[in-house]
Amino acid sequence: MGFTIGGMREMRTGTRRRGRTSGRASDCTTVAEFTGLWGWDVAPGARAAGSECSCGKAGCPAPGAHPLDPAAVVPAGATLDEVAEAWGRFPGAAVLLPVGRAFDVIDVPEAAGRRALIRLERMGLPLGPVIATPQGRAHFFVAPGAAAELPTLLYRMGWDDAALDLHALGAGSYVTAPPSDRGGLGPTTWLRPPSLDTASQPPQARLLLGTLAYVAHRAPR
């Protein structure tokens, strides 16, 4: 990895002590944590102000919710210096995480996701990071491949013909990492922040899917 946990803590402490952290330096620190500590790829994303997108395209179909350049991914393991060089080309960019590489995502309503978290923790099941979006969704990080396996898993569990507000995001999708803004609607937040034992090895979707499907089925539409 690009730096150690202790190095990250020292960097944060020193930054606070100097009290001169710029927005760009803060963004670079966040991206470097994702790449160096959690082992995730990161992509610079567009931001939105009202209906306008920072990509500059008229009629952008997803203002503030897409990568600025899909090829400009900062790879897992990038150091702070490497992040600063790459991110310097996209000042003010939102922080996006490409799905389908280190993780896939199970997407459910936030209220259902919060109830599922309580149930899953009580059951002692492994859990990865979980993001809450300003659109009222919860994104559960699970092992890659979940999006392709979801129809089969739901069939085996007897949920294939149920009306579920539950979806999987796989390769080609991006989630907005906290605390970046999503589509001009506000920041995303961690319902469950990443940890060293789950960031790079999120749980298999089958371990969580029964509980997530149950709470999603009972969630009001």
C-alpha atoms as a PDB file:
ATOM      1  CA  MET A   1       0.000   0.000   0.000  1.00  0.00           C
ATOM      2  CA  GLY A   2       1.050   3.598  -0.508  1.00  0.00           C
ATOM      3  CA  PHE A   3       1.234   4.523   3.175  1.00  0.00           C
ATOM      4  CA  THR A   4       0.581   3.142   6.622  1.00  0.00           C
ATOM      5  CA  ILE A   5      -2.292   3.745   9.014  1.00  0.00           C
ATOM      6  CA  GLY A   6       0.088   5.548  11.320  1.00  0.00           C
ATOM      7  CA  GLY A   7       1.284   7.677   8.441  1.00  0.00           C
ATOM      8  CA  MET A   8      -2.280   8.653   7.614  1.00  0.00           C
ATOM      9  CA  ARG A   9      -2.987   9.591  11.230  1.00  0.00           C
ATOM     10  CA  GLU A  10       0.209  11.625  11.439  1.00  0.00           C
ATOM     11  CA  MET A  11      -0.650  13.395   8.208  1.00  0.00           C
ATOM     12  CA  ARG A  12      -4.124  14.271   9.480  1.00  0.00           C
ATOM     13  CA  THR A  13      -2.821  15.454  12.852  1.00  0.00           C
ATOM     14  CA  GLY A  14      -0.128  17.576  11.268  1.00  0.00           C
ATOM     15  CA  THR A  15      -2.638  19.078   8.863  1.00  0.00           C
ATOM     16  CA  ARG A  16      -4.975  20.043  11.685  1.00  0.00           C
ATOM     17  CA  ARG A  17      -2.086  21.453  13.677  1.00  0.00           C
ATOM     18  CA  ARG A  18      -1.022  23.706  10.810  1.00  0.00           C
ATOM     19  CA  GLY A  19      -4.631  24.698  10.192  1.00  0.00           C
ATOM     20  CA  ARG A  20      -3.970  25.535   6.546  1.00  0.00           C
ATOM     21  CA  THR A  21      -5.674  22.643   4.793  1.00  0.00           C
ATOM     22  CA  SER A  22      -7.063  23.688   1.439  1.00  0.00           C
ATOM     23  CA  GLY A  23     -10.071  22.046  -0.137  1.00  0.00           C
ATOM     24  CA  ARG A  24      -7.830  20.454  -2.729  1.00  0.00           C
ATOM     25  CA  ALA A  25      -5.465  19.030  -0.108  1.00  0.00           C
ATOM     26  CA  SER A  26      -8.432  17.639   1.816  1.00  0.00           C
ATOM     27  CA  ASP A  27      -9.799  15.972  -1.329  1.00  0.00           C
ATOM     28  CA  CYS A  28      -6.392  14.446  -2.062  1.00  0.00           C
ATOM     29  CA  THR A  29      -6.135  13.104   1.477  1.00  0.00           C
ATOM     30  CA  THR A  30      -9.570  11.492   1.161  1.00  0.00           C
ATOM     31  CA  VAL A  31      -8.722   9.919  -2.203  1.00  0.00           C
ATOM     32  CA  ALA A  32      -5.345   8.701  -0.917  1.00  0.00           C
ATOM     33  CA  GLU A  33      -7.088   7.046   2.021  1.00  0.00           C
ATOM     34  CA  PHE A  34      -9.402   5.185  -0.349  1.00  0.00           C
ATOM     35  CA  THR A  35      -6.588   4.068  -2.651  1.00  0.00           C
ATOM     36  CA  GLY A  36      -3.847   3.432  -0.106  1.00  0.00           C
ATOM     37  CA  LEU A  37      -5.721   2.283   2.996  1.00  0.00           C
ATOM     38  CA  TRP A  38      -8.878   0.636   1.666  1.00  0.00           C
ATOM     39  CA  GLY A  39      -7.483  -0.594  -1.660  1.00  0.00           C
ATOM     40  CA  TRP A  40     -10.124   0.975  -3.929  1.00  0.00           C
ATOM     41  CA  ASP A  41      -9.859   2.583  -7.342  1.00  0.00           C
ATOM     42  CA  VAL A  42     -11.168   6.160  -7.417  1.00  0.00           C
ATOM     43  CA  ALA A  43     -12.512   8.259 -10.294  1.00  0.00           C
ATOM     44  CA  PRO A  44     -12.978  12.059 -10.436  1.00  0.00           C
ATOM     45  CA  GLY A  45     -16.661  12.851 -10.752  1.00  0.00           C
ATOM     46  CA  ALA A  46     -18.813  15.722 -11.920  1.00  0.00           C
ATOM     47  CA  ARG A  47     -20.598  18.073  -9.554  1.00  0.00           C
ATOM     48  CA  ALA A  48     -23.974  19.723 -10.053  1.00  0.00           C
ATOM     49  CA  ALA A  49     -25.334  23.165  -9.275  1.00  0.00           C
ATOM     50  CA  GLY A  50     -29.067  23.111  -9.822  1.00  0.00           C
ATOM     51  CA  SER A  51     -29.671  21.508 -13.194  1.00  0.00           C
ATOM     52  CA  GLU A  52     -26.187  22.356 -14.491  1.00  0.00           C
ATOM     53  CA  CYS A  53     -23.396  19.779 -14.518  1.00  0.00           C
ATOM     54  CA  SER A  54     -19.729  20.636 -14.172  1.00  0.00           C
ATOM     55  CA  CYS A  55     -18.988  18.471 -17.218  1.00  0.00           C
ATOM     56  CA  GLY A  56     -20.282  21.363 -19.323  1.00  0.00           C
ATOM     57  CA  LYS A  57     -22.492  19.227 -21.553  1.00  0.00           C
ATOM     58  CA  ALA A  58     -25.876  20.715 -22.379  1.00  0.00           C
ATOM     59  CA  GLY A  59     -28.667  18.393 -21.299  1.00  0.00           C
ATOM     60  CA  CYS A  60     -26.354  16.117 -19.290  1.00  0.00           C
ATOM     61  CA  PRO A  61     -28.503  13.070 -18.409  1.00  0.00           C
ATOM     62  CA  ALA A  62     -26.912  12.627 -14.964  1.00  0.00           C
ATOM     63  CA  PRO A  63     -25.717  16.021 -13.692  1.00  0.00           C
ATOM     64  CA  GLY A  64     -23.284  15.628 -10.825  1.00  0.00           C
ATOM     65  CA  ALA A  65     -23.519  11.840 -10.841  1.00  0.00           C
ATOM     66  CA  HIS A  66     -21.028  10.517 -13.390  1.00  0.00           C
ATOM     67  CA  PRO A  67     -17.248  10.362 -13.884  1.00  0.00           C
ATOM     68  CA  LEU A  68     -15.639  13.304 -15.646  1.00  0.00           C
ATOM     69  CA  ASP A  69     -13.299  10.960 -17.511  1.00  0.00           C
ATOM     70  CA  PRO A  70     -13.782   7.177 -17.146  1.00  0.00           C
ATOM     71  CA  ALA A  71     -10.164   6.679 -18.194  1.00  0.00           C
ATOM     72  CA  ALA A  72      -8.810   8.937 -15.430  1.00  0.00           C
ATOM     73  CA  VAL A  73      -9.079   6.379 -12.646  1.00  0.00           C
ATOM     74  CA  VAL A  74      -6.640   6.671  -9.741  1.00  0.00           C
ATOM     75  CA  PRO A  75      -5.703   3.031  -9.083  1.00  0.00           C
ATOM     76  CA  ALA A  76      -5.753   1.218  -5.776  1.00  0.00           C
ATOM     77  CA  GLY A  77      -2.398   1.567  -4.054  1.00  0.00           C
ATOM     78  CA  ALA A  78      -1.727   5.102  -5.327  1.00  0.00           C
ATOM     79  CA  THR A  79       0.278   7.211  -2.895  1.00  0.00           C
ATOM     80  CA  LEU A  80      -0.625  10.696  -1.705  1.00  0.00           C
ATOM     81  CA  ASP A  81       1.835  12.246  -4.162  1.00  0.00           C
ATOM     82  CA  GLU A  82       0.421  10.210  -7.028  1.00  0.00           C
ATOM     83  CA  VAL A  83      -3.108  11.172  -6.037  1.00  0.00           C
ATOM     84  CA  ALA A  84      -2.191  14.867  -5.842  1.00  0.00           C
ATOM     85  CA  GLU A  85      -0.720  14.747  -9.344  1.00  0.00           C
ATOM     86  CA  ALA A  86      -3.755  12.962 -10.808  1.00  0.00           C
ATOM     87  CA  TRP A  87      -6.399  14.939  -8.911  1.00  0.00           C
ATOM     88  CA  GLY A  88      -4.724  18.225  -9.812  1.00  0.00           C
ATOM     89  CA  ARG A  89      -6.170  17.835 -13.311  1.00  0.00           C
ATOM     90  CA  PHE A  90      -9.724  17.768 -11.894  1.00  0.00           C
ATOM     91  CA  PRO A  91      -9.920  20.455  -9.182  1.00  0.00           C
ATOM     92  CA  GLY A  92     -13.108  20.283  -7.142  1.00  0.00           C
ATOM     93  CA  ALA A  93     -14.143  16.894  -8.549  1.00  0.00           C
ATOM     94  CA  ALA A  94     -16.461  14.611  -6.605  1.00  0.00           C
ATOM     95  CA  VAL A  95     -14.987  11.322  -5.412  1.00  0.00           C
ATOM     96  CA  LEU A  96     -16.503   8.335  -7.211  1.00  0.00           C
ATOM     97  CA  LEU A  97     -15.805   4.660  -6.588  1.00  0.00           C
ATOM     98  CA  PRO A  98     -16.023   2.320  -9.614  1.00  0.00           C
ATOM     99  CA  VAL A  99     -18.238  -0.677  -8.856  1.00  0.00           C
ATOM    100  CA  GLY A 100     -17.416  -4.191 -10.026  1.00  0.00           C
ATOM    101  CA  ARG A 101     -13.727  -4.151  -9.141  1.00  0.00           C
ATOM    102  CA  ALA A 102     -13.166  -4.443  -5.387  1.00  0.00           C
ATOM    103  CA  PHE A 103     -16.892  -4.681  -4.673  1.00  0.00           C
ATOM    104  CA  ASP A 104     -20.423  -4.770  -6.057  1.00  0.00           C
ATOM    105  CA  VAL A 105     -23.331  -2.976  -4.391  1.00  0.00           C
ATOM    106  CA  ILE A 106     -26.773  -4.038  -3.186  1.00  0.00           C
ATOM    107  CA  ASP A 107     -29.075  -0.996  -3.308  1.00  0.00           C
ATOM    108  CA  VAL A 108     -32.140  -0.740  -1.030  1.00  0.00           C
ATOM    109  CA  PRO A 109     -34.172   2.120   0.496  1.00  0.00           C
ATOM    110  CA  GLU A 110     -32.241   3.814   3.293  1.00  0.00           C
ATOM    111  CA  ALA A 111     -34.904   3.129   5.932  1.00  0.00           C
ATOM    112  CA  ALA A 112     -34.870  -0.559   5.030  1.00  0.00           C
ATOM    113  CA  GLY A 113     -31.088  -0.548   4.993  1.00  0.00           C
ATOM    114  CA  ARG A 114     -30.921   0.858   8.515  1.00  0.00           C
ATOM    115  CA  ARG A 115     -33.284  -1.848   9.788  1.00  0.00           C
ATOM    116  CA  ALA A 116     -31.286  -4.502   7.963  1.00  0.00           C
ATOM    117  CA  LEU A 117     -28.047  -3.288   9.554  1.00  0.00           C
ATOM    118  CA  ILE A 118     -29.504  -3.768  13.026  1.00  0.00           C
ATOM    119  CA  ARG A 119     -30.712  -7.279  12.160  1.00  0.00           C
ATOM    120  CA  LEU A 120     -27.460  -8.289  10.496  1.00  0.00           C
ATOM    121  CA  GLU A 121     -25.332  -7.013  13.377  1.00  0.00           C
ATOM    122  CA  ARG A 122     -27.482  -8.906  15.886  1.00  0.00           C
ATOM    123  CA  MET A 123     -27.059 -12.048  13.802  1.00  0.00           C
ATOM    124  CA  GLY A 124     -23.297 -11.595  13.822  1.00  0.00           C
ATOM    125  CA  LEU A 125     -23.036 -11.710  10.042  1.00  0.00           C
ATOM    126  CA  PRO A 126     -20.062 -10.086   8.301  1.00  0.00           C
ATOM    127  CA  LEU A 127     -20.700  -6.604   6.998  1.00  0.00           C
ATOM    128  CA  GLY A 128     -18.820  -4.345   4.650  1.00  0.00           C
ATOM    129  CA  PRO A 129     -19.133  -0.589   4.197  1.00  0.00           C
ATOM    130  CA  VAL A 130     -22.598   0.920   3.699  1.00  0.00           C
ATOM    131  CA  ILE A 131     -23.301   4.325   2.136  1.00  0.00           C
ATOM    132  CA  ALA A 132     -26.436   6.466   2.510  1.00  0.00           C
ATOM    133  CA  THR A 133     -27.244   8.706  -0.454  1.00  0.00           C
ATOM    134  CA  PRO A 134     -29.197  11.988  -0.454  1.00  0.00           C
ATOM    135  CA  GLN A 135     -31.773  10.229  -2.653  1.00  0.00           C
ATOM    136  CA  GLY A 136     -32.704   8.029   0.313  1.00  0.00           C
ATOM    137  CA  ARG A 137     -30.885   4.864  -0.749  1.00  0.00           C
ATOM    138  CA  ALA A 138     -28.492   2.566   1.111  1.00  0.00           C
ATOM    139  CA  HIS A 139     -25.586   0.968  -0.736  1.00  0.00           C
ATOM    140  CA  PHE A 140     -24.256  -2.250   0.823  1.00  0.00           C
ATOM    141  CA  PHE A 141     -20.780  -3.201  -0.391  1.00  0.00           C
ATOM    142  CA  VAL A 142     -20.587  -6.913  -1.225  1.00  0.00           C
ATOM    143  CA  ALA A 143     -18.121  -9.143  -3.044  1.00  0.00           C
ATOM    144  CA  PRO A 144     -17.708  -8.590  -6.804  1.00  0.00           C
ATOM    145  CA  GLY A 145     -20.010 -10.678  -8.965  1.00  0.00           C
ATOM    146  CA  ALA A 146     -23.168 -10.017  -6.958  1.00  0.00           C
ATOM    147  CA  ALA A 147     -24.876  -8.087  -9.752  1.00  0.00           C
ATOM    148  CA  ALA A 148     -24.561 -11.037 -12.136  1.00  0.00           C
ATOM    149  CA  GLU A 149     -25.603 -13.543  -9.468  1.00  0.00           C
ATOM    150  CA  LEU A 150     -28.557 -11.577  -8.068  1.00  0.00           C
ATOM    151  CA  PRO A 151     -31.369 -13.153 -10.169  1.00  0.00           C
ATOM    152  CA  THR A 152     -30.157 -16.668  -9.347  1.00  0.00           C
ATOM    153  CA  LEU A 153     -29.725 -15.871  -5.646  1.00  0.00           C
ATOM    154  CA  LEU A 154     -33.197 -14.348  -5.376  1.00  0.00           C
ATOM    155  CA  TYR A 155     -34.658 -17.394  -7.145  1.00  0.00           C
ATOM    156  CA  ARG A 156     -32.960 -19.812  -4.775  1.00  0.00           C
ATOM    157  CA  MET A 157     -34.179 -17.841  -1.770  1.00  0.00           C
ATOM    158  CA  GLY A 158     -37.753 -17.655  -3.051  1.00  0.00           C
ATOM    159  CA  TRP A 159     -37.737 -13.897  -3.618  1.00  0.00           C
ATOM    160  CA  ASP A 160     -37.647 -13.933  -7.409  1.00  0.00           C
ATOM    161  CA  ASP A 161     -41.354 -13.189  -7.870  1.00  0.00           C
ATOM    162  CA  ALA A 162     -41.691 -10.703  -5.000  1.00  0.00           C
ATOM    163  CA  ALA A 163     -42.090  -6.958  -5.452  1.00  0.00           C
ATOM    164  CA  LEU A 164     -38.729  -5.840  -4.120  1.00  0.00           C
ATOM    165  CA  ASP A 165     -37.202  -2.379  -4.126  1.00  0.00           C
ATOM    166  CA  LEU A 166     -33.777  -3.996  -4.264  1.00  0.00           C
ATOM    167  CA  HIS A 167     -31.177  -3.722  -6.995  1.00  0.00           C
ATOM    168  CA  ALA A 168     -27.558  -4.646  -7.620  1.00  0.00           C
ATOM    169  CA  LEU A 169     -24.897  -2.400  -9.096  1.00  0.00           C
ATOM    170  CA  GLY A 170     -21.991  -4.006 -10.917  1.00  0.00           C
ATOM    171  CA  ALA A 171     -19.275  -3.205 -13.408  1.00  0.00           C
ATOM    172  CA  GLY A 172     -19.851   0.086 -15.214  1.00  0.00           C
ATOM    173  CA  SER A 173     -21.576   1.724 -12.238  1.00  0.00           C
ATOM    174  CA  TYR A 174     -20.149   4.270  -9.813  1.00  0.00           C
ATOM    175  CA  VAL A 175     -21.083   5.220  -6.268  1.00  0.00           C
ATOM    176  CA  THR A 176     -20.355   8.619  -4.764  1.00  0.00           C
ATOM    177  CA  ALA A 177     -18.014   8.297  -1.804  1.00  0.00           C
ATOM    178  CA  PRO A 178     -18.621  10.285   1.380  1.00  0.00           C
ATOM    179  CA  PRO A 179     -18.492  13.172   1.861  1.00  0.00           C
ATOM    180  CA  SER A 180     -18.866  14.148  -1.812  1.00  0.00           C
ATOM    181  CA  ASP A 181     -22.068  15.696  -3.099  1.00  0.00           C
ATOM    182  CA  ARG A 182     -24.354  13.516  -5.224  1.00  0.00           C
ATOM    183  CA  GLY A 183     -26.188  15.240  -8.048  1.00  0.00           C
ATOM    184  CA  GLY A 184     -26.398  18.569  -6.232  1.00  0.00           C
ATOM    185  CA  LEU A 185     -28.712  17.019  -3.626  1.00  0.00           C
ATOM    186  CA  GLY A 186     -26.249  16.884  -0.745  1.00  0.00           C
ATOM    187  CA  PRO A 187     -23.414  14.707   0.529  1.00  0.00           C
ATOM    188  CA  THR A 188     -23.357  10.958   0.822  1.00  0.00           C
ATOM    189  CA  THR A 189     -22.585   9.604   4.289  1.00  0.00           C
ATOM    190  CA  TRP A 190     -21.377   6.359   5.854  1.00  0.00           C
ATOM    191  CA  LEU A 191     -24.014   4.254   7.567  1.00  0.00           C
ATOM    192  CA  ARG A 192     -21.150   1.851   8.233  1.00  0.00           C
ATOM    193  CA  PRO A 193     -17.639   3.144   7.484  1.00  0.00           C
ATOM    194  CA  PRO A 194     -14.955   0.951   5.936  1.00  0.00           C
ATOM    195  CA  SER A 195     -12.586  -1.034   8.121  1.00  0.00           C
ATOM    196  CA  LEU A 196      -9.391  -2.907   7.358  1.00  0.00           C
ATOM    197  CA  ASP A 197     -11.006  -6.338   7.557  1.00  0.00           C
ATOM    198  CA  THR A 198     -13.926  -5.611   5.207  1.00  0.00           C
ATOM    199  CA  ALA A 199     -12.894  -2.845   2.789  1.00  0.00           C
ATOM    200  CA  SER A 200     -10.911  -5.124   0.498  1.00  0.00           C
ATOM    201  CA  GLN A 201     -12.867  -8.295   1.318  1.00  0.00           C
ATOM    202  CA  PRO A 202     -16.557  -7.423   1.545  1.00  0.00           C
ATOM    203  CA  PRO A 203     -19.002 -10.229   2.363  1.00  0.00           C
ATOM    204  CA  GLN A 204     -20.630 -12.490  -0.181  1.00  0.00           C
ATOM    205  CA  ALA A 205     -24.044 -11.171  -1.220  1.00  0.00           C
ATOM    206  CA  ARG A 206     -25.785 -14.450  -0.313  1.00  0.00           C
ATOM    207  CA  LEU A 207     -24.962 -13.862   3.373  1.00  0.00           C
ATOM    208  CA  LEU A 208     -26.891 -10.578   3.469  1.00  0.00           C
ATOM    209  CA  LEU A 209     -29.463 -10.982   0.737  1.00  0.00           C
ATOM    210  CA  GLY A 210     -32.129 -12.836   2.719  1.00  0.00           C
ATOM    211  CA  THR A 211     -32.311 -10.074   5.330  1.00  0.00           C
ATOM    212  CA  LEU A 212     -32.061  -7.282   2.762  1.00  0.00           C
ATOM    213  CA  ALA A 213     -34.818  -8.818   0.635  1.00  0.00           C
ATOM    214  CA  TYR A 214     -37.068  -9.231   3.685  1.00  0.00           C
ATOM    215  CA  VAL A 215     -36.742  -5.616   4.850  1.00  0.00           C
ATOM    216  CA  ALA A 216     -36.973  -4.276   1.291  1.00  0.00           C
ATOM    217  CA  HIS A 217     -40.166  -6.269   0.745  1.00  0.00           C
ATOM    218  CA  ARG A 218     -41.706  -4.773   3.885  1.00  0.00           C
ATOM    219  CA  ALA A 219     -40.532  -1.224   3.147  1.00  0.00           C
ATOM    220  CA  PRO A 220     -43.342   1.192   2.226  1.00  0.00           C
ATOM    221  CA  ARG A 221     -43.345   2.201  -1.413  1.00  0.00           C
END
